[in-house]
Amino acid sequence: MAGRGPAEQWTAASVGLRRLEYFLAVVDHRGVGRAAEALLIAQPSLSQAIKTLERELGATLFVRDGRGLALTAAGEALIPAARQLLRDVAAARAAAARVAELAGGWLDLVALPTLAVDPLAALAGRFRRRYPRVGLNVLAPQDPDDVVARVRGGACELGLTLLPCSDPELGERELTPQRFDVVLPPVDTHGVVEQRAFAVADLRALAWVITPPGSSTRALLDQVLAVSGAEARIAVETDDREAIVALVLAGAGATLLPRSMAEQAAQRGAQVRPLDPPLIRRVGLVHRHGALSAAARAFLALAQS
């Protein structure tokens, strides 16, 4: 070990972390006696641990002077390196503990159907890739109020819903807003061929394939049409959301879809028109105040990253 200074030698595997902790205790308490009292160990045991550390490093760390122990140049050089190592070890232990907390189990979520497609599907994929041992149990609510009720009642830890959430018992984390587009049948079954954005007034002439009253998308459509003093002209009303795009493609009418879902419908042949001004709604995750499981905390952090 000759030729290597203590600042380099301390990284060797033979140097015990406990002895580095003892070394820093002697430094911080300015003596072996006070350090031993603070560490709740016998003074001879602490002195022996320091001597062992000096042998491992091949350097003297303390010398006696008239007032007690004084640090040598080697001891001074070791202090910052020893502190950094112990900080790194503490951080590594904390990280390992967090991983251990996410080594299994389930996270219960409730999400509005359109939000379960986007953004939940992408978030769930990212979460599962990062924490493959944690399962996700995604429940479908009846409406936004049901989301709030399930989270407030403890049936689910997280709820994906519309914002703002009016329940003071719940906290909220806002996500990227949802932008909606008008989705129309293919040209050969409809006749809308203009490649332009739709104004709100244009929506009054359309027949709609839409979910029943009380659903979030139906409420959005009704709110938009109310601006121009109109009511939705319903062609097909269904709570089978998976059938909506198929009905539009078959020429039954138009619908409103979040942009990501509208783009998928376009790939199947549907016409898609944006709205001017844009139709946007705020969405986010709601949760109870107070302690959350490690899985819920991790999901929230990932959703906002």
C-alpha atoms as a PDB file:
ATOM      1  CA  MET A   1       0.000   0.000   0.000  1.00  0.00           C
ATOM      2  CA  ALA A   2       3.054   2.231  -0.005  1.00  0.00           C
ATOM      3  CA  GLY A   3       2.812   5.142  -2.369  1.00  0.00           C
ATOM      4  CA  ARG A   4      -0.962   5.523  -2.013  1.00  0.00           C
ATOM      5  CA  GLY A   5      -2.308   8.322   0.165  1.00  0.00           C
ATOM      6  CA  PRO A   6      -5.158   7.715   2.632  1.00  0.00           C
ATOM      7  CA  ALA A   7      -7.671   9.615   0.505  1.00  0.00           C
ATOM      8  CA  GLU A   8      -7.225   6.951  -2.180  1.00  0.00           C
ATOM      9  CA  GLN A   9      -6.727   3.966   0.110  1.00  0.00           C
ATOM     10  CA  TRP A  10      -9.994   4.420   2.016  1.00  0.00           C
ATOM     11  CA  THR A  11     -12.012   3.192  -0.943  1.00  0.00           C
ATOM     12  CA  ALA A  12     -10.537  -0.300  -0.611  1.00  0.00           C
ATOM     13  CA  ALA A  13     -13.064  -2.969   0.268  1.00  0.00           C
ATOM     14  CA  SER A  14     -11.067  -3.852   3.382  1.00  0.00           C
ATOM     15  CA  VAL A  15     -11.923  -0.516   5.017  1.00  0.00           C
ATOM     16  CA  GLY A  16     -15.003  -1.032   7.212  1.00  0.00           C
ATOM     17  CA  LEU A  17     -17.792   1.537   7.120  1.00  0.00           C
ATOM     18  CA  ARG A  18     -18.235   1.251  10.850  1.00  0.00           C
ATOM     19  CA  ARG A  19     -14.591   2.208  11.429  1.00  0.00           C
ATOM     20  CA  LEU A  20     -15.036   5.271   9.219  1.00  0.00           C
ATOM     21  CA  GLU A  21     -18.057   6.223  11.318  1.00  0.00           C
ATOM     22  CA  TYR A  22     -15.920   5.795  14.452  1.00  0.00           C
ATOM     23  CA  PHE A  23     -13.151   7.929  12.930  1.00  0.00           C
ATOM     24  CA  LEU A  24     -15.578  10.774  12.189  1.00  0.00           C
ATOM     25  CA  ALA A  25     -17.073  10.492  15.662  1.00  0.00           C
ATOM     26  CA  VAL A  26     -13.632  11.048  17.199  1.00  0.00           C
ATOM     27  CA  VAL A  27     -13.141  14.044  14.901  1.00  0.00           C
ATOM     28  CA  ASP A  28     -16.557  15.556  15.653  1.00  0.00           C
ATOM     29  CA  HIS A  29     -16.401  14.974  19.428  1.00  0.00           C
ATOM     30  CA  ARG A  30     -12.751  16.041  19.670  1.00  0.00           C
ATOM     31  CA  GLY A  31     -11.576  12.974  21.487  1.00  0.00           C
ATOM     32  CA  VAL A  32     -11.943   9.234  21.994  1.00  0.00           C
ATOM     33  CA  GLY A  33     -13.637   9.469  25.387  1.00  0.00           C
ATOM     34  CA  ARG A  34     -16.471  11.758  24.313  1.00  0.00           C
ATOM     35  CA  ALA A  35     -16.879   9.852  21.021  1.00  0.00           C
ATOM     36  CA  ALA A  36     -17.172   6.541  22.888  1.00  0.00           C
ATOM     37  CA  GLU A  37     -19.882   8.006  25.120  1.00  0.00           C
ATOM     38  CA  ALA A  38     -21.818   9.272  22.112  1.00  0.00           C
ATOM     39  CA  LEU A  39     -21.479   5.933  20.293  1.00  0.00           C
ATOM     40  CA  LEU A  40     -22.369   3.961  23.447  1.00  0.00           C
ATOM     41  CA  ILE A  41     -19.302   1.737  23.159  1.00  0.00           C
ATOM     42  CA  ALA A  42     -16.340   1.149  25.429  1.00  0.00           C
ATOM     43  CA  GLN A  43     -13.403   3.513  24.963  1.00  0.00           C
ATOM     44  CA  PRO A  44     -10.854   0.687  24.467  1.00  0.00           C
ATOM     45  CA  SER A  45     -13.021  -0.771  21.686  1.00  0.00           C
ATOM     46  CA  LEU A  46     -13.097   2.600  19.913  1.00  0.00           C
ATOM     47  CA  SER A  47      -9.363   3.063  20.282  1.00  0.00           C
ATOM     48  CA  GLN A  48      -8.770  -0.393  18.840  1.00  0.00           C
ATOM     49  CA  ALA A  49     -11.077   0.348  15.890  1.00  0.00           C
ATOM     50  CA  ILE A  50      -9.080   3.518  15.077  1.00  0.00           C
ATOM     51  CA  LYS A  51      -5.803   1.585  15.213  1.00  0.00           C
ATOM     52  CA  THR A  52      -7.271  -1.057  12.877  1.00  0.00           C
ATOM     53  CA  LEU A  53      -8.333   1.670  10.445  1.00  0.00           C
ATOM     54  CA  GLU A  54      -4.838   3.160  10.513  1.00  0.00           C
ATOM     55  CA  ARG A  55      -3.348  -0.251   9.705  1.00  0.00           C
ATOM     56  CA  GLU A  56      -5.772  -0.707   6.824  1.00  0.00           C
ATOM     57  CA  LEU A  57      -4.902   2.691   5.387  1.00  0.00           C
ATOM     58  CA  GLY A  58      -1.185   2.479   6.118  1.00  0.00           C
ATOM     59  CA  ALA A  59      -1.236   5.934   7.663  1.00  0.00           C
ATOM     60  CA  THR A  60      -1.442   7.523  11.090  1.00  0.00           C
ATOM     61  CA  LEU A  61      -4.633   9.546  11.513  1.00  0.00           C
ATOM     62  CA  PHE A  62      -4.176  11.026  15.001  1.00  0.00           C
ATOM     63  CA  VAL A  63      -1.206  12.014  17.166  1.00  0.00           C
ATOM     64  CA  ARG A  64      -1.216  12.999  20.793  1.00  0.00           C
ATOM     65  CA  ASP A  65      -0.325  16.528  21.753  1.00  0.00           C
ATOM     66  CA  GLY A  66      -0.512  18.348  25.051  1.00  0.00           C
ATOM     67  CA  ARG A  67      -4.290  18.794  24.770  1.00  0.00           C
ATOM     68  CA  GLY A  68      -5.180  15.270  23.619  1.00  0.00           C
ATOM     69  CA  LEU A  69      -5.534  13.963  20.062  1.00  0.00           C
ATOM     70  CA  ALA A  70      -4.689  16.015  16.969  1.00  0.00           C
ATOM     71  CA  LEU A  71      -5.324  15.103  13.354  1.00  0.00           C
ATOM     72  CA  THR A  72      -2.387  14.377  11.119  1.00  0.00           C
ATOM     73  CA  ALA A  73      -2.293  15.534   7.499  1.00  0.00           C
ATOM     74  CA  ALA A  74      -3.517  12.070   6.526  1.00  0.00           C
ATOM     75  CA  GLY A  75      -6.415  12.365   8.970  1.00  0.00           C
ATOM     76  CA  GLU A  76      -7.379  15.783   7.603  1.00  0.00           C
ATOM     77  CA  ALA A  77      -7.331  14.383   4.072  1.00  0.00           C
ATOM     78  CA  LEU A  78      -9.564  11.475   5.046  1.00  0.00           C
ATOM     79  CA  ILE A  79     -12.395  13.555   6.546  1.00  0.00           C
ATOM     80  CA  PRO A  80     -14.163  14.788   3.364  1.00  0.00           C
ATOM     81  CA  ALA A  81     -13.741  11.452   1.614  1.00  0.00           C
ATOM     82  CA  ALA A  82     -15.124   9.545   4.603  1.00  0.00           C
ATOM     83  CA  ARG A  83     -18.111  11.871   4.910  1.00  0.00           C
ATOM     84  CA  GLN A  84     -18.902  11.524   1.203  1.00  0.00           C
ATOM     85  CA  LEU A  85     -18.680   7.739   1.337  1.00  0.00           C
ATOM     86  CA  LEU A  86     -21.074   7.566   4.274  1.00  0.00           C
ATOM     87  CA  ARG A  87     -23.481   9.927   2.498  1.00  0.00           C
ATOM     88  CA  ASP A  88     -23.319   7.740  -0.621  1.00  0.00           C
ATOM     89  CA  VAL A  89     -23.935   4.600   1.417  1.00  0.00           C
ATOM     90  CA  ALA A  90     -26.911   6.217   3.162  1.00  0.00           C
ATOM     91  CA  ALA A  91     -28.350   7.241  -0.207  1.00  0.00           C
ATOM     92  CA  ALA A  92     -27.823   3.746  -1.586  1.00  0.00           C
ATOM     93  CA  ARG A  93     -29.556   2.185   1.411  1.00  0.00           C
ATOM     94  CA  ALA A  94     -32.491   4.561   1.054  1.00  0.00           C
ATOM     95  CA  ALA A  95     -32.769   3.749  -2.654  1.00  0.00           C
ATOM     96  CA  ALA A  96     -32.670   0.026  -1.911  1.00  0.00           C
ATOM     97  CA  ALA A  97     -35.388   0.447   0.705  1.00  0.00           C
ATOM     98  CA  ARG A  98     -37.579   2.272  -1.789  1.00  0.00           C
ATOM     99  CA  VAL A  99     -37.093  -0.507  -4.323  1.00  0.00           C
ATOM    100  CA  ALA A 100     -37.873  -3.105  -1.685  1.00  0.00           C
ATOM    101  CA  GLU A 101     -41.140  -1.315  -0.948  1.00  0.00           C
ATOM    102  CA  LEU A 102     -42.046  -1.729  -4.628  1.00  0.00           C
ATOM    103  CA  ALA A 103     -41.077  -5.387  -4.870  1.00  0.00           C
ATOM    104  CA  GLY A 104     -44.669  -6.596  -5.004  1.00  0.00           C
ATOM    105  CA  GLY A 105     -48.296  -5.837  -4.319  1.00  0.00           C
ATOM    106  CA  TRP A 106     -50.991  -3.919  -6.167  1.00  0.00           C
ATOM    107  CA  LEU A 107     -51.979  -0.321  -6.762  1.00  0.00           C
ATOM    108  CA  ASP A 108     -55.726   0.321  -7.043  1.00  0.00           C
ATOM    109  CA  LEU A 109     -56.751   3.119  -9.424  1.00  0.00           C
ATOM    110  CA  VAL A 110     -60.079   4.329 -10.775  1.00  0.00           C
ATOM    111  CA  ALA A 111     -60.133   6.175 -14.105  1.00  0.00           C
ATOM    112  CA  LEU A 112     -62.763   7.682 -16.364  1.00  0.00           C
ATOM    113  CA  PRO A 113     -63.021   5.535 -19.515  1.00  0.00           C
ATOM    114  CA  THR A 114     -61.536   8.089 -21.933  1.00  0.00           C
ATOM    115  CA  LEU A 115     -58.728   8.805 -19.468  1.00  0.00           C
ATOM    116  CA  ALA A 116     -58.054   5.080 -19.085  1.00  0.00           C
ATOM    117  CA  VAL A 117     -57.080   5.106 -22.758  1.00  0.00           C
ATOM    118  CA  ASP A 118     -55.116   8.352 -22.600  1.00  0.00           C
ATOM    119  CA  PRO A 119     -53.145   9.212 -20.534  1.00  0.00           C
ATOM    120  CA  LEU A 120     -53.466   6.150 -18.263  1.00  0.00           C
ATOM    121  CA  ALA A 121     -52.385   3.509 -20.808  1.00  0.00           C
ATOM    122  CA  ALA A 122     -49.033   5.192 -21.432  1.00  0.00           C
ATOM    123  CA  LEU A 123     -48.508   5.894 -17.726  1.00  0.00           C
ATOM    124  CA  ALA A 124     -49.312   2.299 -16.808  1.00  0.00           C
ATOM    125  CA  GLY A 125     -46.807   1.045 -19.368  1.00  0.00           C
ATOM    126  CA  ARG A 126     -44.054   3.269 -18.003  1.00  0.00           C
ATOM    127  CA  PHE A 127     -44.884   2.303 -14.435  1.00  0.00           C
ATOM    128  CA  ARG A 128     -44.853  -1.418 -15.165  1.00  0.00           C
ATOM    129  CA  ARG A 129     -41.520  -1.198 -16.982  1.00  0.00           C
ATOM    130  CA  ARG A 130     -39.994   0.552 -13.997  1.00  0.00           C
ATOM    131  CA  TYR A 131     -41.734  -1.523 -11.293  1.00  0.00           C
ATOM    132  CA  PRO A 132     -42.530  -4.874 -12.942  1.00  0.00           C
ATOM    133  CA  ARG A 133     -43.482  -6.572  -9.669  1.00  0.00           C
ATOM    134  CA  VAL A 134     -46.262  -4.128  -8.827  1.00  0.00           C
ATOM    135  CA  GLY A 135     -49.631  -4.857 -10.415  1.00  0.00           C
ATOM    136  CA  LEU A 136     -52.192  -2.221 -11.365  1.00  0.00           C
ATOM    137  CA  ASN A 137     -55.889  -2.762 -10.666  1.00  0.00           C
ATOM    138  CA  VAL A 138     -57.780  -0.244 -12.825  1.00  0.00           C
ATOM    139  CA  LEU A 139     -61.491   0.184 -12.063  1.00  0.00           C
ATOM    140  CA  ALA A 140     -64.123   1.883 -14.251  1.00  0.00           C
ATOM    141  CA  PRO A 141     -66.389   4.405 -12.484  1.00  0.00           C
ATOM    142  CA  GLN A 142     -69.921   5.411 -13.354  1.00  0.00           C
ATOM    143  CA  ASP A 143     -69.038   9.112 -13.630  1.00  0.00           C
ATOM    144  CA  PRO A 144     -66.583  11.713 -12.220  1.00  0.00           C
ATOM    145  CA  ASP A 145     -68.453  11.800  -8.901  1.00  0.00           C
ATOM    146  CA  ASP A 146     -67.911   8.049  -8.588  1.00  0.00           C
ATOM    147  CA  VAL A 147     -64.156   8.559  -9.021  1.00  0.00           C
ATOM    148  CA  VAL A 148     -64.129  10.994  -6.112  1.00  0.00           C
ATOM    149  CA  ALA A 149     -66.279   8.717  -3.967  1.00  0.00           C
ATOM    150  CA  ARG A 150     -64.051   5.673  -4.488  1.00  0.00           C
ATOM    151  CA  VAL A 151     -60.871   7.573  -3.657  1.00  0.00           C
ATOM    152  CA  ARG A 152     -62.378   9.387  -0.675  1.00  0.00           C
ATOM    153  CA  GLY A 153     -63.792   6.106   0.647  1.00  0.00           C
ATOM    154  CA  GLY A 154     -60.474   4.290   0.319  1.00  0.00           C
ATOM    155  CA  ALA A 155     -61.529   1.780  -2.332  1.00  0.00           C
ATOM    156  CA  CYS A 156     -58.787   3.213  -4.590  1.00  0.00           C
ATOM    157  CA  GLU A 157     -55.661   5.165  -3.745  1.00  0.00           C
ATOM    158  CA  LEU A 158     -55.599   7.210  -6.941  1.00  0.00           C
ATOM    159  CA  GLY A 159     -58.295   8.464  -9.279  1.00  0.00           C
ATOM    160  CA  LEU A 160     -57.837   9.799 -12.795  1.00  0.00           C
ATOM    161  CA  THR A 161     -60.565  12.319 -13.473  1.00  0.00           C
ATOM    162  CA  LEU A 162     -61.520  15.827 -14.524  1.00  0.00           C
ATOM    163  CA  LEU A 163     -60.217  18.850 -12.656  1.00  0.00           C
ATOM    164  CA  PRO A 164     -60.789  20.808 -10.588  1.00  0.00           C
ATOM    165  CA  CYS A 165     -61.818  18.389  -7.879  1.00  0.00           C
ATOM    166  CA  SER A 166     -64.271  20.081  -5.555  1.00  0.00           C
ATOM    167  CA  ASP A 167     -63.760  17.673  -2.656  1.00  0.00           C
ATOM    168  CA  PRO A 168     -61.597  19.304   0.077  1.00  0.00           C
ATOM    169  CA  GLU A 169     -60.701  15.869   1.418  1.00  0.00           C
ATOM    170  CA  LEU A 170     -58.688  15.072  -1.713  1.00  0.00           C
ATOM    171  CA  GLY A 171     -55.493  16.463  -3.153  1.00  0.00           C
ATOM    172  CA  GLU A 172     -54.941  16.732  -6.893  1.00  0.00           C
ATOM    173  CA  ARG A 173     -52.013  16.556  -9.321  1.00  0.00           C
ATOM    174  CA  GLU A 174     -52.725  18.130 -12.681  1.00  0.00           C
ATOM    175  CA  LEU A 175     -51.537  16.371 -15.843  1.00  0.00           C
ATOM    176  CA  THR A 176     -51.301  17.504 -19.464  1.00  0.00           C
ATOM    177  CA  PRO A 177     -54.733  18.816 -20.559  1.00  0.00           C
ATOM    178  CA  GLN A 178     -56.817  16.780 -23.016  1.00  0.00           C
ATOM    179  CA  ARG A 179     -57.558  18.300 -26.420  1.00  0.00           C
ATOM    180  CA  PHE A 180     -60.685  17.049 -28.220  1.00  0.00           C
ATOM    181  CA  ASP A 181     -61.323  16.734 -31.946  1.00  0.00           C
ATOM    182  CA  VAL A 182     -64.466  16.068 -33.990  1.00  0.00           C
ATOM    183  CA  VAL A 183     -64.406  12.605 -35.571  1.00  0.00           C
ATOM    184  CA  LEU A 184     -66.548  12.096 -38.693  1.00  0.00           C
ATOM    185  CA  PRO A 185     -67.395   9.153 -40.932  1.00  0.00           C
ATOM    186  CA  PRO A 186     -65.209   8.497 -43.985  1.00  0.00           C
ATOM    187  CA  VAL A 187     -65.807  10.786 -46.961  1.00  0.00           C
ATOM    188  CA  ASP A 188     -67.589   8.157 -49.036  1.00  0.00           C
ATOM    189  CA  THR A 189     -70.296   7.717 -46.383  1.00  0.00           C
ATOM    190  CA  HIS A 190     -70.638  11.290 -45.275  1.00  0.00           C
ATOM    191  CA  GLY A 191     -69.752  14.145 -47.537  1.00  0.00           C
ATOM    192  CA  VAL A 192     -67.658  16.422 -45.314  1.00  0.00           C
ATOM    193  CA  VAL A 193     -64.527  16.980 -47.371  1.00  0.00           C
ATOM    194  CA  GLU A 194     -63.291  20.413 -46.279  1.00  0.00           C
ATOM    195  CA  GLN A 195     -59.931  20.151 -44.520  1.00  0.00           C
ATOM    196  CA  ARG A 196     -60.620  22.871 -41.991  1.00  0.00           C
ATOM    197  CA  ALA A 197     -61.162  23.344 -38.297  1.00  0.00           C
ATOM    198  CA  PHE A 198     -64.731  23.330 -36.998  1.00  0.00           C
ATOM    199  CA  ALA A 199     -66.244  26.288 -35.226  1.00  0.00           C
ATOM    200  CA  VAL A 200     -68.734  25.679 -32.440  1.00  0.00           C
ATOM    201  CA  ALA A 201     -71.555  26.728 -34.799  1.00  0.00           C
ATOM    202  CA  ASP A 202     -70.605  23.899 -37.184  1.00  0.00           C
ATOM    203  CA  LEU A 203     -71.386  21.323 -34.505  1.00  0.00           C
ATOM    204  CA  ARG A 204     -75.094  22.124 -34.486  1.00  0.00           C
ATOM    205  CA  ALA A 205     -75.550  20.524 -37.922  1.00  0.00           C
ATOM    206  CA  LEU A 206     -73.993  17.199 -36.953  1.00  0.00           C
ATOM    207  CA  ALA A 207     -75.749  14.054 -35.768  1.00  0.00           C
ATOM    208  CA  TRP A 208     -73.907  12.568 -32.824  1.00  0.00           C
ATOM    209  CA  VAL A 209     -72.807   9.121 -31.689  1.00  0.00           C
ATOM    210  CA  ILE A 210     -72.271   9.765 -28.005  1.00  0.00           C
ATOM    211  CA  THR A 211     -72.486   8.352 -24.504  1.00  0.00           C
ATOM    212  CA  PRO A 212     -75.596   8.898 -22.311  1.00  0.00           C
ATOM    213  CA  PRO A 213     -76.228  11.964 -20.132  1.00  0.00           C
ATOM    214  CA  GLY A 214     -74.065  11.938 -17.016  1.00  0.00           C
ATOM    215  CA  SER A 215     -70.951  10.727 -18.816  1.00  0.00           C
ATOM    216  CA  SER A 216     -68.007  13.127 -19.029  1.00  0.00           C
ATOM    217  CA  THR A 217     -67.884  13.258 -22.841  1.00  0.00           C
ATOM    218  CA  ARG A 218     -71.638  13.863 -23.143  1.00  0.00           C
ATOM    219  CA  ALA A 219     -71.368  16.666 -20.601  1.00  0.00           C
ATOM    220  CA  LEU A 220     -68.550  18.202 -22.621  1.00  0.00           C
ATOM    221  CA  LEU A 221     -70.578  18.078 -25.850  1.00  0.00           C
ATOM    222  CA  ASP A 222     -73.635  19.576 -24.163  1.00  0.00           C
ATOM    223  CA  GLN A 223     -71.532  22.394 -22.690  1.00  0.00           C
ATOM    224  CA  VAL A 224     -69.972  23.224 -26.055  1.00  0.00           C
ATOM    225  CA  LEU A 225     -73.305  23.303 -27.880  1.00  0.00           C
ATOM    226  CA  ALA A 226     -74.908  25.358 -25.130  1.00  0.00           C
ATOM    227  CA  VAL A 227     -72.526  28.183 -26.056  1.00  0.00           C
ATOM    228  CA  SER A 228     -74.398  28.589 -29.361  1.00  0.00           C
ATOM    229  CA  GLY A 229     -77.786  27.961 -27.765  1.00  0.00           C
ATOM    230  CA  ALA A 230     -78.190  24.524 -29.354  1.00  0.00           C
ATOM    231  CA  GLU A 231     -78.789  20.994 -28.152  1.00  0.00           C
ATOM    232  CA  ALA A 232     -77.052  17.886 -29.410  1.00  0.00           C
ATOM    233  CA  ARG A 233     -78.880  16.072 -32.203  1.00  0.00           C
ATOM    234  CA  ILE A 234     -78.392  12.464 -31.115  1.00  0.00           C
ATOM    235  CA  ALA A 235     -78.128   9.766 -33.749  1.00  0.00           C
ATOM    236  CA  VAL A 236     -76.898   6.937 -31.517  1.00  0.00           C
ATOM    237  CA  GLU A 237     -76.647   6.964 -27.727  1.00  0.00           C
ATOM    238  CA  THR A 238     -74.576   4.149 -26.248  1.00  0.00           C
ATOM    239  CA  ASP A 239     -72.632   3.434 -23.101  1.00  0.00           C
ATOM    240  CA  ASP A 240     -70.515   0.937 -25.028  1.00  0.00           C
ATOM    241  CA  ARG A 241     -67.539   3.211 -25.632  1.00  0.00           C
ATOM    242  CA  GLU A 242     -65.693   0.599 -27.663  1.00  0.00           C
ATOM    243  CA  ALA A 243     -68.520   0.694 -30.230  1.00  0.00           C
ATOM    244  CA  ILE A 244     -68.436   4.440 -30.808  1.00  0.00           C
ATOM    245  CA  VAL A 245     -65.643   4.564 -33.408  1.00  0.00           C
ATOM    246  CA  ALA A 246     -67.117   1.582 -35.261  1.00  0.00           C
ATOM    247  CA  LEU A 247     -70.482   3.354 -35.414  1.00  0.00           C
ATOM    248  CA  VAL A 248     -68.846   6.535 -36.732  1.00  0.00           C
ATOM    249  CA  LEU A 249     -66.891   4.587 -39.358  1.00  0.00           C
ATOM    250  CA  ALA A 250     -70.159   2.945 -40.440  1.00  0.00           C
ATOM    251  CA  GLY A 251     -71.653   6.380 -41.074  1.00  0.00           C
ATOM    252  CA  ALA A 252     -73.978   6.591 -38.058  1.00  0.00           C
ATOM    253  CA  GLY A 253     -72.805  10.078 -37.091  1.00  0.00           C
ATOM    254  CA  ALA A 254     -69.971  12.120 -35.595  1.00  0.00           C
ATOM    255  CA  THR A 255     -68.392  12.021 -32.169  1.00  0.00           C
ATOM    256  CA  LEU A 256     -65.936  13.854 -29.911  1.00  0.00           C
ATOM    257  CA  LEU A 257     -62.718  12.094 -28.951  1.00  0.00           C
ATOM    258  CA  PRO A 258     -59.459  13.040 -27.220  1.00  0.00           C
ATOM    259  CA  ARG A 259     -56.798  13.766 -29.825  1.00  0.00           C
ATOM    260  CA  SER A 260     -54.844  10.542 -29.299  1.00  0.00           C
ATOM    261  CA  MET A 261     -58.010   8.463 -29.789  1.00  0.00           C
ATOM    262  CA  ALA A 262     -59.076  10.621 -32.735  1.00  0.00           C
ATOM    263  CA  GLU A 263     -55.736   9.948 -34.425  1.00  0.00           C
ATOM    264  CA  GLN A 264     -56.301   6.212 -34.021  1.00  0.00           C
ATOM    265  CA  ALA A 265     -59.757   6.600 -35.582  1.00  0.00           C
ATOM    266  CA  ALA A 266     -58.181   8.492 -38.502  1.00  0.00           C
ATOM    267  CA  GLN A 267     -55.883   5.544 -39.133  1.00  0.00           C
ATOM    268  CA  ARG A 268     -59.035   3.449 -39.574  1.00  0.00           C
ATOM    269  CA  GLY A 269     -60.459   5.858 -42.147  1.00  0.00           C
ATOM    270  CA  ALA A 270     -62.359   8.443 -40.113  1.00  0.00           C
ATOM    271  CA  GLN A 271     -62.192  12.159 -40.859  1.00  0.00           C
ATOM    272  CA  VAL A 272     -60.814  14.233 -37.979  1.00  0.00           C
ATOM    273  CA  ARG A 273     -61.300  17.958 -37.538  1.00  0.00           C
ATOM    274  CA  PRO A 274     -59.875  20.154 -34.769  1.00  0.00           C
ATOM    275  CA  LEU A 275     -62.020  22.793 -33.146  1.00  0.00           C
ATOM    276  CA  ASP A 276     -61.406  26.525 -33.301  1.00  0.00           C
ATOM    277  CA  PRO A 277     -61.130  27.658 -30.587  1.00  0.00           C
ATOM    278  CA  PRO A 278     -59.606  24.425 -29.245  1.00  0.00           C
ATOM    279  CA  LEU A 279     -61.723  22.263 -26.968  1.00  0.00           C
ATOM    280  CA  ILE A 280     -59.584  21.428 -23.946  1.00  0.00           C
ATOM    281  CA  ARG A 281     -60.376  19.956 -20.551  1.00  0.00           C
ATOM    282  CA  ARG A 282     -58.204  19.747 -17.449  1.00  0.00           C
ATOM    283  CA  VAL A 283     -57.416  16.279 -16.103  1.00  0.00           C
ATOM    284  CA  GLY A 284     -55.366  14.911 -13.251  1.00  0.00           C
ATOM    285  CA  LEU A 285     -54.891  12.428 -10.454  1.00  0.00           C
ATOM    286  CA  VAL A 286     -56.714  12.797  -7.148  1.00  0.00           C
ATOM    287  CA  HIS A 287     -55.691  11.181  -3.867  1.00  0.00           C
ATOM    288  CA  ARG A 288     -56.455  11.287  -0.177  1.00  0.00           C
ATOM    289  CA  HIS A 289     -54.419  13.638   1.972  1.00  0.00           C
ATOM    290  CA  GLY A 290     -51.900  11.932   4.223  1.00  0.00           C
ATOM    291  CA  ALA A 291     -49.727   8.887   3.787  1.00  0.00           C
ATOM    292  CA  LEU A 292     -49.819   7.014   0.484  1.00  0.00           C
ATOM    293  CA  SER A 293     -48.342   3.634  -0.332  1.00  0.00           C
ATOM    294  CA  ALA A 294     -44.921   3.474  -1.987  1.00  0.00           C
ATOM    295  CA  ALA A 295     -46.618   2.391  -5.215  1.00  0.00           C
ATOM    296  CA  ALA A 296     -48.993   5.375  -5.181  1.00  0.00           C
ATOM    297  CA  ARG A 297     -46.139   7.796  -4.479  1.00  0.00           C
ATOM    298  CA  ALA A 298     -44.108   6.292  -7.296  1.00  0.00           C
ATOM    299  CA  PHE A 299     -47.033   6.516  -9.728  1.00  0.00           C
ATOM    300  CA  LEU A 300     -47.632  10.176  -8.868  1.00  0.00           C
ATOM    301  CA  ALA A 301     -43.953  11.002  -9.317  1.00  0.00           C
ATOM    302  CA  LEU A 302     -43.836   9.211 -12.676  1.00  0.00           C
ATOM    303  CA  ALA A 303     -47.025  10.918 -13.880  1.00  0.00           C
ATOM    304  CA  GLN A 304     -45.541  14.340 -13.199  1.00  0.00           C
ATOM    305  CA  SER A 305     -42.052  13.641 -14.485  1.00  0.00           C
END
